[in-house]
Amino acid sequence: MAKPKTDALQGTLTLLVLQSIAQTPRHGYGITSFVQQASAELLHIEEGSLYPALHRMEEQGWIKAEWGMTESNRKARFYSLTENGHKQLEAELANWRRVTDGVINVLRFA
């Protein structure tokens, strides 16, 4: 039996990352682990997608990074939201709700 396809809509990576660090700073692996666990293993973020996205969000001023130590005593960059990042998260959430409402409306008439 084929494994179900779990590709998310394009553009959700920013939303997932911002949401994952909204309350608690996390390092890259912590972000991917949080998303995977919170989605009951449905969503996976690849390193090749995560780190360019983090770099882009840092350049846009939505997140900031500080060096710290992980639970396993390794040095890592921990990402947290800036004030602009909180505003961007709200904008991303509003857009997600608009898109999902549109999909629900299409499904109603199918």
PDB file of N, CA and C in Angstrom:
ATOM      1  N   MET A   1       0.846  -1.180   0.000  1.00  0.00           N
ATOM      2  CA  MET A   1       0.000   0.000   0.000  1.00  0.00           C
ATOM      3  C   MET A   1       0.890   1.241   0.000  1.00  0.00           C
ATOM      4  N   ALA A   2       0.575   2.193  -0.841  1.00  0.00           N
ATOM      5  CA  ALA A   2       1.371   3.403  -0.957  1.00  0.00           C
ATOM      6  C   ALA A   2       1.178   4.288   0.274  1.00  0.00           C
ATOM      7  N   LYS A   3       2.274   4.941   0.661  1.00  0.00           N
ATOM      8  CA  LYS A   3       2.223   5.866   1.778  1.00  0.00           C
ATOM      9  C   LYS A   3       1.472   7.129   1.350  1.00  0.00           C
ATOM     10  N   PRO A   4       0.579   7.660   2.196  1.00  0.00           N
ATOM     11  CA  PRO A   4      -0.169   8.858   1.811  1.00  0.00           C
ATOM     12  C   PRO A   4       0.776  10.038   1.586  1.00  0.00           C
ATOM     13  N   LYS A   5       0.455  10.839   0.596  1.00  0.00           N
ATOM     14  CA  LYS A   5       1.252  12.012   0.289  1.00  0.00           C
ATOM     15  C   LYS A   5       0.921  13.105   1.301  1.00  0.00           C
ATOM     16  N   THR A   6       1.958  13.728   1.873  1.00  0.00           N
ATOM     17  CA  THR A   6       1.738  14.732   2.910  1.00  0.00           C
ATOM     18  C   THR A   6       2.335  16.078   2.528  1.00  0.00           C
ATOM     19  N   ASP A   7       2.511  16.342   1.250  1.00  0.00           N
ATOM     20  CA  ASP A   7       3.031  17.639   0.829  1.00  0.00           C
ATOM     21  C   ASP A   7       2.075  18.732   1.272  1.00  0.00           C
ATOM     22  N   ALA A   8       2.617  19.701   1.965  1.00  0.00           N
ATOM     23  CA  ALA A   8       1.788  20.839   2.382  1.00  0.00           C
ATOM     24  C   ALA A   8       1.745  21.861   1.253  1.00  0.00           C
ATOM     25  N   LEU A   9       0.783  22.738   1.333  1.00  0.00           N
ATOM     26  CA  LEU A   9       0.711  23.793   0.346  1.00  0.00           C
ATOM     27  C   LEU A   9       1.979  24.621   0.372  1.00  0.00           C
ATOM     28  N   GLN A  10       2.401  25.063  -0.796  1.00  0.00           N
ATOM     29  CA  GLN A  10       3.582  25.898  -0.881  1.00  0.00           C
ATOM     30  C   GLN A  10       3.381  27.145  -0.026  1.00  0.00           C
ATOM     31  N   GLY A  11       4.405  27.517   0.698  1.00  0.00           N
ATOM     32  CA  GLY A  11       4.316  28.708   1.532  1.00  0.00           C
ATOM     33  C   GLY A  11       4.018  28.435   2.988  1.00  0.00           C
ATOM     34  N   THR A  12       3.780  27.195   3.356  1.00  0.00           N
ATOM     35  CA  THR A  12       3.472  26.906   4.762  1.00  0.00           C
ATOM     36  C   THR A  12       4.728  26.789   5.614  1.00  0.00           C
ATOM     37  N   LEU A  13       5.894  26.646   5.007  1.00  0.00           N
ATOM     38  CA  LEU A  13       7.126  26.501   5.784  1.00  0.00           C
ATOM     39  C   LEU A  13       7.338  27.709   6.687  1.00  0.00           C
ATOM     40  N   THR A  14       7.154  28.900   6.168  1.00  0.00           N
ATOM     41  CA  THR A  14       7.322  30.105   6.978  1.00  0.00           C
ATOM     42  C   THR A  14       6.371  30.085   8.166  1.00  0.00           C
ATOM     43  N   LEU A  15       5.123  29.765   7.915  1.00  0.00           N
ATOM     44  CA  LEU A  15       4.133  29.698   8.989  1.00  0.00           C
ATOM     45  C   LEU A  15       4.542  28.676  10.044  1.00  0.00           C
ATOM     46  N   LEU A  16       4.944  27.490   9.620  1.00  0.00           N
ATOM     47  CA  LEU A  16       5.319  26.440  10.567  1.00  0.00           C
ATOM     48  C   LEU A  16       6.527  26.834  11.403  1.00  0.00           C
ATOM     49  N   VAL A  17       7.515  27.424  10.775  1.00  0.00           N
ATOM     50  CA  VAL A  17       8.719  27.829  11.508  1.00  0.00           C
ATOM     51  C   VAL A  17       8.393  28.941  12.494  1.00  0.00           C
ATOM     52  N   LEU A  18       7.701  29.976  12.031  1.00  0.00           N
ATOM     53  CA  LEU A  18       7.370  31.075  12.937  1.00  0.00           C
ATOM     54  C   LEU A  18       6.538  30.592  14.117  1.00  0.00           C
ATOM     55  N   GLN A  19       5.570  29.721  13.855  1.00  0.00           N
ATOM     56  CA  GLN A  19       4.730  29.198  14.936  1.00  0.00           C
ATOM     57  C   GLN A  19       5.551  28.362  15.914  1.00  0.00           C
ATOM     58  N   SER A  20       6.509  27.609  15.397  1.00  0.00           N
ATOM     59  CA  SER A  20       7.282  26.714  16.261  1.00  0.00           C
ATOM     60  C   SER A  20       8.201  27.470  17.214  1.00  0.00           C
ATOM     61  N   ILE A  21       8.538  28.715  16.893  1.00  0.00           N
ATOM     62  CA  ILE A  21       9.410  29.487  17.784  1.00  0.00           C
ATOM     63  C   ILE A  21       8.678  30.667  18.426  1.00  0.00           C
ATOM     64  N   ALA A  22       7.375  30.706  18.286  1.00  0.00           N
ATOM     65  CA  ALA A  22       6.598  31.836  18.808  1.00  0.00           C
ATOM     66  C   ALA A  22       6.689  31.941  20.330  1.00  0.00           C
ATOM     67  N   GLN A  23       6.729  30.834  21.029  1.00  0.00           N
ATOM     68  CA  GLN A  23       6.736  30.843  22.489  1.00  0.00           C
ATOM     69  C   GLN A  23       8.101  30.512  23.085  1.00  0.00           C
ATOM     70  N   THR A  24       8.863  29.689  22.363  1.00  0.00           N
ATOM     71  CA  THR A  24      10.130  29.185  22.891  1.00  0.00           C
ATOM     72  C   THR A  24      11.202  29.212  21.810  1.00  0.00           C
ATOM     73  N   PRO A  25      12.361  29.818  22.085  1.00  0.00           N
ATOM     74  CA  PRO A  25      13.447  29.744  21.102  1.00  0.00           C
ATOM     75  C   PRO A  25      13.843  28.284  20.869  1.00  0.00           C
ATOM     76  N   ARG A  26      14.148  27.955  19.627  1.00  0.00           N
ATOM     77  CA  ARG A  26      14.539  26.591  19.278  1.00  0.00           C
ATOM     78  C   ARG A  26      15.676  26.628  18.272  1.00  0.00           C
ATOM     79  N   HIS A  27      16.495  25.590  18.309  1.00  0.00           N
ATOM     80  CA  HIS A  27      17.532  25.426  17.285  1.00  0.00           C
ATOM     81  C   HIS A  27      16.915  24.676  16.108  1.00  0.00           C
ATOM     82  N   GLY A  28      17.653  24.575  15.010  1.00  0.00           N
ATOM     83  CA  GLY A  28      17.112  23.971  13.794  1.00  0.00           C
ATOM     84  C   GLY A  28      16.500  22.602  14.004  1.00  0.00           C
ATOM     85  N   TYR A  29      17.247  21.712  14.653  1.00  0.00           N
ATOM     86  CA  TYR A  29      16.721  20.373  14.897  1.00  0.00           C
ATOM     87  C   TYR A  29      15.486  20.433  15.801  1.00  0.00           C
ATOM     88  N   GLY A  30      15.489  21.351  16.762  1.00  0.00           N
ATOM     89  CA  GLY A  30      14.338  21.517  17.643  1.00  0.00           C
ATOM     90  C   GLY A  30      13.098  21.961  16.887  1.00  0.00           C
ATOM     91  N   ILE A  31      13.293  22.813  15.872  1.00  0.00           N
ATOM     92  CA  ILE A  31      12.166  23.253  15.046  1.00  0.00           C
ATOM     93  C   ILE A  31      11.589  22.080  14.278  1.00  0.00           C
ATOM     94  N   THR A  32      12.460  21.308  13.620  1.00  0.00           N
ATOM     95  CA  THR A  32      11.965  20.171  12.835  1.00  0.00           C
ATOM     96  C   THR A  32      11.306  19.134  13.733  1.00  0.00           C
ATOM     97  N   SER A  33      11.876  18.888  14.895  1.00  0.00           N
ATOM     98  CA  SER A  33      11.289  17.919  15.829  1.00  0.00           C
ATOM     99  C   SER A  33       9.932  18.387  16.323  1.00  0.00           C
ATOM    100  N   PHE A  34       9.824  19.682  16.655  1.00  0.00           N
ATOM    101  CA  PHE A  34       8.552  20.221  17.133  1.00  0.00           C
ATOM    102  C   PHE A  34       7.461  20.050  16.082  1.00  0.00           C
ATOM    103  N   VAL A  35       7.752  20.428  14.848  1.00  0.00           N
ATOM    104  CA  VAL A  35       6.753  20.329  13.776  1.00  0.00           C
ATOM    105  C   VAL A  35       6.349  18.876  13.568  1.00  0.00           C
ATOM    106  N   GLN A  36       7.320  17.996  13.565  1.00  0.00           N
ATOM    107  CA  GLN A  36       7.025  16.580  13.359  1.00  0.00           C
ATOM    108  C   GLN A  36       6.163  16.029  14.492  1.00  0.00           C
ATOM    109  N   GLN A  37       6.524  16.329  15.731  1.00  0.00           N
ATOM    110  CA  GLN A  37       5.760  15.822  16.877  1.00  0.00           C
ATOM    111  C   GLN A  37       4.378  16.459  16.958  1.00  0.00           C
ATOM    112  N   ALA A  38       4.308  17.778  16.769  1.00  0.00           N
ATOM    113  CA  ALA A  38       3.030  18.475  16.873  1.00  0.00           C
ATOM    114  C   ALA A  38       2.045  18.042  15.788  1.00  0.00           C
ATOM    115  N   SER A  39       2.586  17.603  14.647  1.00  0.00           N
ATOM    116  CA  SER A  39       1.712  17.160  13.546  1.00  0.00           C
ATOM    117  C   SER A  39       1.476  15.657  13.583  1.00  0.00           C
ATOM    118  N   ALA A  40       1.803  15.020  14.684  1.00  0.00           N
ATOM    119  CA  ALA A  40       1.650  13.563  14.818  1.00  0.00           C
ATOM    120  C   ALA A  40       2.379  12.835  13.690  1.00  0.00           C
ATOM    121  N   GLU A  41       3.603  13.300  13.409  1.00  0.00           N
ATOM    122  CA  GLU A  41       4.490  12.685  12.405  1.00  0.00           C
ATOM    123  C   GLU A  41       4.011  12.880  10.965  1.00  0.00           C
ATOM    124  N   LEU A  42       3.025  13.726  10.746  1.00  0.00           N
ATOM    125  CA  LEU A  42       2.510  13.948   9.401  1.00  0.00           C
ATOM    126  C   LEU A  42       3.398  14.882   8.589  1.00  0.00           C
ATOM    127  N   LEU A  43       3.936  15.924   9.234  1.00  0.00           N
ATOM    128  CA  LEU A  43       4.749  16.913   8.543  1.00  0.00           C
ATOM    129  C   LEU A  43       6.222  16.751   8.889  1.00  0.00           C
ATOM    130  N   HIS A  44       7.052  16.859   7.875  1.00  0.00           N
ATOM    131  CA  HIS A  44       8.506  16.766   8.036  1.00  0.00           C
ATOM    132  C   HIS A  44       9.140  17.938   7.298  1.00  0.00           C
ATOM    133  N   ILE A  45      10.092  18.595   7.951  1.00  0.00           N
ATOM    134  CA  ILE A  45      10.824  19.681   7.310  1.00  0.00           C
ATOM    135  C   ILE A  45      12.235  19.187   7.024  1.00  0.00           C
ATOM    136  N   GLU A  46      12.625  19.264   5.774  1.00  0.00           N
ATOM    137  CA  GLU A  46      13.963  18.840   5.377  1.00  0.00           C
ATOM    138  C   GLU A  46      14.971  19.940   5.689  1.00  0.00           C
ATOM    139  N   GLU A  47      16.188  19.544   6.098  1.00  0.00           N
ATOM    140  CA  GLU A  47      17.249  20.506   6.377  1.00  0.00           C
ATOM    141  C   GLU A  47      17.497  21.426   5.196  1.00  0.00           C
ATOM    142  N   GLY A  48      17.451  20.853   3.994  1.00  0.00           N
ATOM    143  CA  GLY A  48      17.703  21.626   2.790  1.00  0.00           C
ATOM    144  C   GLY A  48      16.691  22.727   2.553  1.00  0.00           C
ATOM    145  N   SER A  49      15.530  22.625   3.185  1.00  0.00           N
ATOM    146  CA  SER A  49      14.514  23.670   3.107  1.00  0.00           C
ATOM    147  C   SER A  49      14.574  24.592   4.324  1.00  0.00           C
ATOM    148  N   LEU A  50      14.854  24.008   5.487  1.00  0.00           N
ATOM    149  CA  LEU A  50      14.788  24.775   6.727  1.00  0.00           C
ATOM    150  C   LEU A  50      15.833  25.877   6.795  1.00  0.00           C
ATOM    151  N   TYR A  51      17.098  25.542   6.587  1.00  0.00           N
ATOM    152  CA  TYR A  51      18.151  26.529   6.826  1.00  0.00           C
ATOM    153  C   TYR A  51      18.119  27.698   5.846  1.00  0.00           C
ATOM    154  N   PRO A  52      17.841  27.497   4.568  1.00  0.00           N
ATOM    155  CA  PRO A  52      17.655  28.672   3.702  1.00  0.00           C
ATOM    156  C   PRO A  52      16.467  29.540   4.148  1.00  0.00           C
ATOM    157  N   ALA A  53      15.396  28.887   4.622  1.00  0.00           N
ATOM    158  CA  ALA A  53      14.228  29.637   5.100  1.00  0.00           C
ATOM    159  C   ALA A  53      14.582  30.435   6.354  1.00  0.00           C
ATOM    160  N   LEU A  54      15.317  29.829   7.271  1.00  0.00           N
ATOM    161  CA  LEU A  54      15.738  30.552   8.477  1.00  0.00           C
ATOM    162  C   LEU A  54      16.605  31.754   8.107  1.00  0.00           C
ATOM    163  N   HIS A  55      17.519  31.557   7.183  1.00  0.00           N
ATOM    164  CA  HIS A  55      18.399  32.644   6.742  1.00  0.00           C
ATOM    165  C   HIS A  55      17.562  33.786   6.135  1.00  0.00           C
ATOM    166  N   ARG A  56      16.606  33.432   5.292  1.00  0.00           N
ATOM    167  CA  ARG A  56      15.740  34.434   4.658  1.00  0.00           C
ATOM    168  C   ARG A  56      14.927  35.187   5.710  1.00  0.00           C
ATOM    169  N   MET A  57      14.355  34.466   6.672  1.00  0.00           N
ATOM    170  CA  MET A  57      13.545  35.110   7.706  1.00  0.00           C
ATOM    171  C   MET A  57      14.392  36.005   8.605  1.00  0.00           C
ATOM    172  N   GLU A  58      15.638  35.607   8.828  1.00  0.00           N
ATOM    173  CA  GLU A  58      16.539  36.443   9.619  1.00  0.00           C
ATOM    174  C   GLU A  58      16.877  37.725   8.852  1.00  0.00           C
ATOM    175  N   GLU A  59      17.125  37.604   7.560  1.00  0.00           N
ATOM    176  CA  GLU A  59      17.397  38.781   6.728  1.00  0.00           C
ATOM    177  C   GLU A  59      16.203  39.730   6.687  1.00  0.00           C
ATOM    178  N   GLN A  60      14.990  39.178   6.731  1.00  0.00           N
ATOM    179  CA  GLN A  60      13.784  39.998   6.694  1.00  0.00           C
ATOM    180  C   GLN A  60      13.440  40.606   8.060  1.00  0.00           C
ATOM    181  N   GLY A  61      14.202  40.220   9.069  1.00  0.00           N
ATOM    182  CA  GLY A  61      13.990  40.781  10.395  1.00  0.00           C
ATOM    183  C   GLY A  61      12.866  40.144  11.182  1.00  0.00           C
ATOM    184  N   TRP A  62      12.426  38.962  10.769  1.00  0.00           N
ATOM    185  CA  TRP A  62      11.334  38.284  11.466  1.00  0.00           C
ATOM    186  C   TRP A  62      11.823  37.429  12.626  1.00  0.00           C
ATOM    187  N   ILE A  63      13.059  36.964  12.520  1.00  0.00           N
ATOM    188  CA  ILE A  63      13.637  36.132  13.579  1.00  0.00           C
ATOM    189  C   ILE A  63      15.029  36.651  13.906  1.00  0.00           C
ATOM    190  N   LYS A  64      15.501  36.277  15.077  1.00  0.00           N
ATOM    191  CA  LYS A  64      16.885  36.557  15.459  1.00  0.00           C
ATOM    192  C   LYS A  64      17.483  35.259  15.972  1.00  0.00           C
ATOM    193  N   ALA A  65      18.809  35.169  15.894  1.00  0.00           N
ATOM    194  CA  ALA A  65      19.486  33.952  16.313  1.00  0.00           C
ATOM    195  C   ALA A  65      20.542  34.287  17.352  1.00  0.00           C
ATOM    196  N   GLU A  66      20.649  33.441  18.340  1.00  0.00           N
ATOM    197  CA  GLU A  66      21.673  33.575  19.372  1.00  0.00           C
ATOM    198  C   GLU A  66      22.282  32.201  19.618  1.00  0.00           C
ATOM    199  N   TRP A  67      23.581  32.189  19.854  1.00  0.00           N
ATOM    200  CA  TRP A  67      24.252  30.931  20.144  1.00  0.00           C
ATOM    201  C   TRP A  67      23.902  30.475  21.550  1.00  0.00           C
ATOM    202  N   GLY A  68      23.720  29.170  21.688  1.00  0.00           N
ATOM    203  CA  GLY A  68      23.427  28.571  22.982  1.00  0.00           C
ATOM    204  C   GLY A  68      23.804  27.103  22.959  1.00  0.00           C
ATOM    205  N   MET A  69      23.548  26.446  24.061  1.00  0.00           N
ATOM    206  CA  MET A  69      23.865  25.021  24.189  1.00  0.00           C
ATOM    207  C   MET A  69      22.583  24.196  24.157  1.00  0.00           C
ATOM    208  N   THR A  70      22.636  23.107  23.401  1.00  0.00           N
ATOM    209  CA  THR A  70      21.492  22.207  23.315  1.00  0.00           C
ATOM    210  C   THR A  70      21.420  21.326  24.557  1.00  0.00           C
ATOM    211  N   GLU A  71      20.364  20.528  24.630  1.00  0.00           N
ATOM    212  CA  GLU A  71      20.189  19.590  25.731  1.00  0.00           C
ATOM    213  C   GLU A  71      21.330  18.580  25.782  1.00  0.00           C
ATOM    214  N   SER A  72      21.933  18.315  24.620  1.00  0.00           N
ATOM    215  CA  SER A  72      23.037  17.346  24.554  1.00  0.00           C
ATOM    216  C   SER A  72      24.401  18.035  24.596  1.00  0.00           C
ATOM    217  N   ASN A  73      24.437  19.249  25.110  1.00  0.00           N
ATOM    218  CA  ASN A  73      25.671  20.001  25.302  1.00  0.00           C
ATOM    219  C   ASN A  73      26.401  20.346  24.004  1.00  0.00           C
ATOM    220  N   ARG A  74      25.659  20.614  22.959  1.00  0.00           N
ATOM    221  CA  ARG A  74      26.246  21.050  21.690  1.00  0.00           C
ATOM    222  C   ARG A  74      25.919  22.512  21.463  1.00  0.00           C
ATOM    223  N   LYS A  75      26.848  23.202  20.838  1.00  0.00           N
ATOM    224  CA  LYS A  75      26.637  24.600  20.506  1.00  0.00           C
ATOM    225  C   LYS A  75      25.724  24.685  19.282  1.00  0.00           C
ATOM    226  N   ALA A  76      24.700  25.549  19.347  1.00  0.00           N
ATOM    227  CA  ALA A  76      23.753  25.687  18.236  1.00  0.00           C
ATOM    228  C   ALA A  76      23.167  27.086  18.248  1.00  0.00           C
ATOM    229  N   ARG A  77      22.650  27.482  17.108  1.00  0.00           N
ATOM    230  CA  ARG A  77      21.943  28.766  17.014  1.00  0.00           C
ATOM    231  C   ARG A  77      20.481  28.539  17.385  1.00  0.00           C
ATOM    232  N   PHE A  78      20.002  29.337  18.318  1.00  0.00           N
ATOM    233  CA  PHE A  78      18.615  29.273  18.756  1.00  0.00           C
ATOM    234  C   PHE A  78      17.880  30.454  18.147  1.00  0.00           C
ATOM    235  N   TYR A  79      16.743  30.173  17.529  1.00  0.00           N
ATOM    236  CA  TYR A  79      15.975  31.174  16.807  1.00  0.00           C
ATOM    237  C   TYR A  79      14.753  31.577  17.623  1.00  0.00           C
ATOM    238  N   SER A  80      14.460  32.872  17.608  1.00  0.00           N
ATOM    239  CA  SER A  80      13.266  33.382  18.280  1.00  0.00           C
ATOM    240  C   SER A  80      12.679  34.497  17.420  1.00  0.00           C
ATOM    241  N   LEU A  81      11.418  34.820  17.682  1.00  0.00           N
ATOM    242  CA  LEU A  81      10.734  35.849  16.914  1.00  0.00           C
ATOM    243  C   LEU A  81      11.119  37.244  17.380  1.00  0.00           C
ATOM    244  N   THR A  82      11.204  38.153  16.436  1.00  0.00           N
ATOM    245  CA  THR A  82      11.334  39.566  16.733  1.00  0.00           C
ATOM    246  C   THR A  82       9.925  40.152  16.795  1.00  0.00           C
ATOM    247  N   GLU A  83       9.826  41.432  17.090  1.00  0.00           N
ATOM    248  CA  GLU A  83       8.514  42.085  17.076  1.00  0.00           C
ATOM    249  C   GLU A  83       7.894  41.984  15.678  1.00  0.00           C
ATOM    250  N   ASN A  84       8.717  42.221  14.651  1.00  0.00           N
ATOM    251  CA  ASN A  84       8.219  42.076  13.272  1.00  0.00           C
ATOM    252  C   ASN A  84       7.848  40.630  12.967  1.00  0.00           C
ATOM    253  N   GLY A  85       8.537  39.683  13.589  1.00  0.00           N
ATOM    254  CA  GLY A  85       8.224  38.276  13.405  1.00  0.00           C
ATOM    255  C   GLY A  85       6.856  37.919  13.954  1.00  0.00           C
ATOM    256  N   HIS A  86       6.504  38.505  15.089  1.00  0.00           N
ATOM    257  CA  HIS A  86       5.166  38.277  15.654  1.00  0.00           C
ATOM    258  C   HIS A  86       4.096  38.824  14.714  1.00  0.00           C
ATOM    259  N   LYS A  87       4.360  40.000  14.138  1.00  0.00           N
ATOM    260  CA  LYS A  87       3.415  40.579  13.179  1.00  0.00           C
ATOM    261  C   LYS A  87       3.309  39.711  11.927  1.00  0.00           C
ATOM    262  N   GLN A  88       4.449  39.197  11.467  1.00  0.00           N
ATOM    263  CA  GLN A  88       4.431  38.342  10.280  1.00  0.00           C
ATOM    264  C   GLN A  88       3.698  37.039  10.557  1.00  0.00           C
ATOM    265  N   LEU A  89       3.869  36.493  11.745  1.00  0.00           N
ATOM    266  CA  LEU A  89       3.146  35.273  12.114  1.00  0.00           C
ATOM    267  C   LEU A  89       1.644  35.519  12.045  1.00  0.00           C
ATOM    268  N   GLU A  90       1.185  36.637  12.562  1.00  0.00           N
ATOM    269  CA  GLU A  90      -0.246  36.955  12.487  1.00  0.00           C
ATOM    270  C   GLU A  90      -0.710  37.056  11.040  1.00  0.00           C
ATOM    271  N   ALA A  91       0.103  37.668  10.182  1.00  0.00           N
ATOM    272  CA  ALA A  91      -0.245  37.783   8.759  1.00  0.00           C
ATOM    273  C   ALA A  91      -0.277  36.406   8.098  1.00  0.00           C
ATOM    274  N   GLU A  92       0.696  35.550   8.432  1.00  0.00           N
ATOM    275  CA  GLU A  92       0.735  34.200   7.871  1.00  0.00           C
ATOM    276  C   GLU A  92      -0.473  33.386   8.326  1.00  0.00           C
ATOM    277  N   LEU A  93      -0.849  33.520   9.597  1.00  0.00           N
ATOM    278  CA  LEU A  93      -2.024  32.808  10.118  1.00  0.00           C
ATOM    279  C   LEU A  93      -3.298  33.275   9.419  1.00  0.00           C
ATOM    280  N   ALA A  94      -3.431  34.580   9.222  1.00  0.00           N
ATOM    281  CA  ALA A  94      -4.610  35.110   8.537  1.00  0.00           C
ATOM    282  C   ALA A  94      -4.681  34.586   7.109  1.00  0.00           C
ATOM    283  N   ASN A  95      -3.545  34.553   6.429  1.00  0.00           N
ATOM    284  CA  ASN A  95      -3.517  34.030   5.058  1.00  0.00           C
ATOM    285  C   ASN A  95      -3.860  32.541   5.040  1.00  0.00           C
ATOM    286  N   TRP A  96      -3.327  31.776   5.979  1.00  0.00           N
ATOM    287  CA  TRP A  96      -3.619  30.343   6.050  1.00  0.00           C
ATOM    288  C   TRP A  96      -5.111  30.105   6.250  1.00  0.00           C
ATOM    289  N   ARG A  97      -5.713  30.886   7.137  1.00  0.00           N
ATOM    290  CA  ARG A  97      -7.149  30.738   7.379  1.00  0.00           C
ATOM    291  C   ARG A  97      -7.955  31.057   6.118  1.00  0.00           C
ATOM    292  N   ARG A  98      -7.537  32.084   5.389  1.00  0.00           N
ATOM    293  CA  ARG A  98      -8.221  32.462   4.152  1.00  0.00           C
ATOM    294  C   ARG A  98      -8.119  31.333   3.119  1.00  0.00           C
ATOM    295  N   VAL A  99      -6.926  30.760   2.976  1.00  0.00           N
ATOM    296  CA  VAL A  99      -6.716  29.675   2.011  1.00  0.00           C
ATOM    297  C   VAL A  99      -7.515  28.439   2.411  1.00  0.00           C
ATOM    298  N   THR A 100      -7.458  28.061   3.680  1.00  0.00           N
ATOM    299  CA  THR A 100      -8.187  26.855   4.104  1.00  0.00           C
ATOM    300  C   THR A 100      -9.695  27.055   3.994  1.00  0.00           C
ATOM    301  N   ASP A 101     -10.172  28.263   4.270  1.00  0.00           N
ATOM    302  CA  ASP A 101     -11.597  28.541   4.065  1.00  0.00           C
ATOM    303  C   ASP A 101     -11.980  28.354   2.598  1.00  0.00           C
ATOM    304  N   GLY A 102     -11.105  28.801   1.696  1.00  0.00           N
ATOM    305  CA  GLY A 102     -11.372  28.632   0.266  1.00  0.00           C
ATOM    306  C   GLY A 102     -11.418  27.171  -0.125  1.00  0.00           C
ATOM    307  N   VAL A 103     -10.498  26.375   0.394  1.00  0.00           N
ATOM    308  CA  VAL A 103     -10.488  24.945   0.088  1.00  0.00           C
ATOM    309  C   VAL A 103     -11.750  24.279   0.617  1.00  0.00           C
ATOM    310  N   ILE A 104     -12.132  24.621   1.847  1.00  0.00           N
ATOM    311  CA  ILE A 104     -13.359  24.067   2.434  1.00  0.00           C
ATOM    312  C   ILE A 104     -14.576  24.416   1.578  1.00  0.00           C
ATOM    313  N   ASN A 105     -14.630  25.652   1.099  1.00  0.00           N
ATOM    314  CA  ASN A 105     -15.759  26.051   0.249  1.00  0.00           C
ATOM    315  C   ASN A 105     -15.792  25.249  -1.043  1.00  0.00           C
ATOM    316  N   VAL A 106     -14.647  24.995  -1.643  1.00  0.00           N
ATOM    317  CA  VAL A 106     -14.600  24.184  -2.879  1.00  0.00           C
ATOM    318  C   VAL A 106     -15.080  22.768  -2.579  1.00  0.00           C
ATOM    319  N   LEU A 107     -14.644  22.195  -1.477  1.00  0.00           N
ATOM    320  CA  LEU A 107     -15.030  20.826  -1.120  1.00  0.00           C
ATOM    321  C   LEU A 107     -16.532  20.714  -0.871  1.00  0.00           C
ATOM    322  N   ARG A 108     -17.132  21.741  -0.362  1.00  0.00           N
ATOM    323  CA  ARG A 108     -18.570  21.744  -0.102  1.00  0.00           C
ATOM    324  C   ARG A 108     -19.376  21.576  -1.382  1.00  0.00           C
ATOM    325  N   PHE A 109     -18.852  22.140  -2.464  1.00  0.00           N
ATOM    326  CA  PHE A 109     -19.592  22.130  -3.734  1.00  0.00           C
ATOM    327  C   PHE A 109     -19.148  21.026  -4.675  1.00  0.00           C
ATOM    328  N   ALA A 110     -18.230  20.203  -4.230  1.00  0.00           N
ATOM    329  CA  ALA A 110     -17.715  19.137  -5.107  1.00  0.00           C
ATOM    330  C   ALA A 110     -18.685  17.966  -5.159  1.00  0.00           C
TER     331      ALA A 110
END
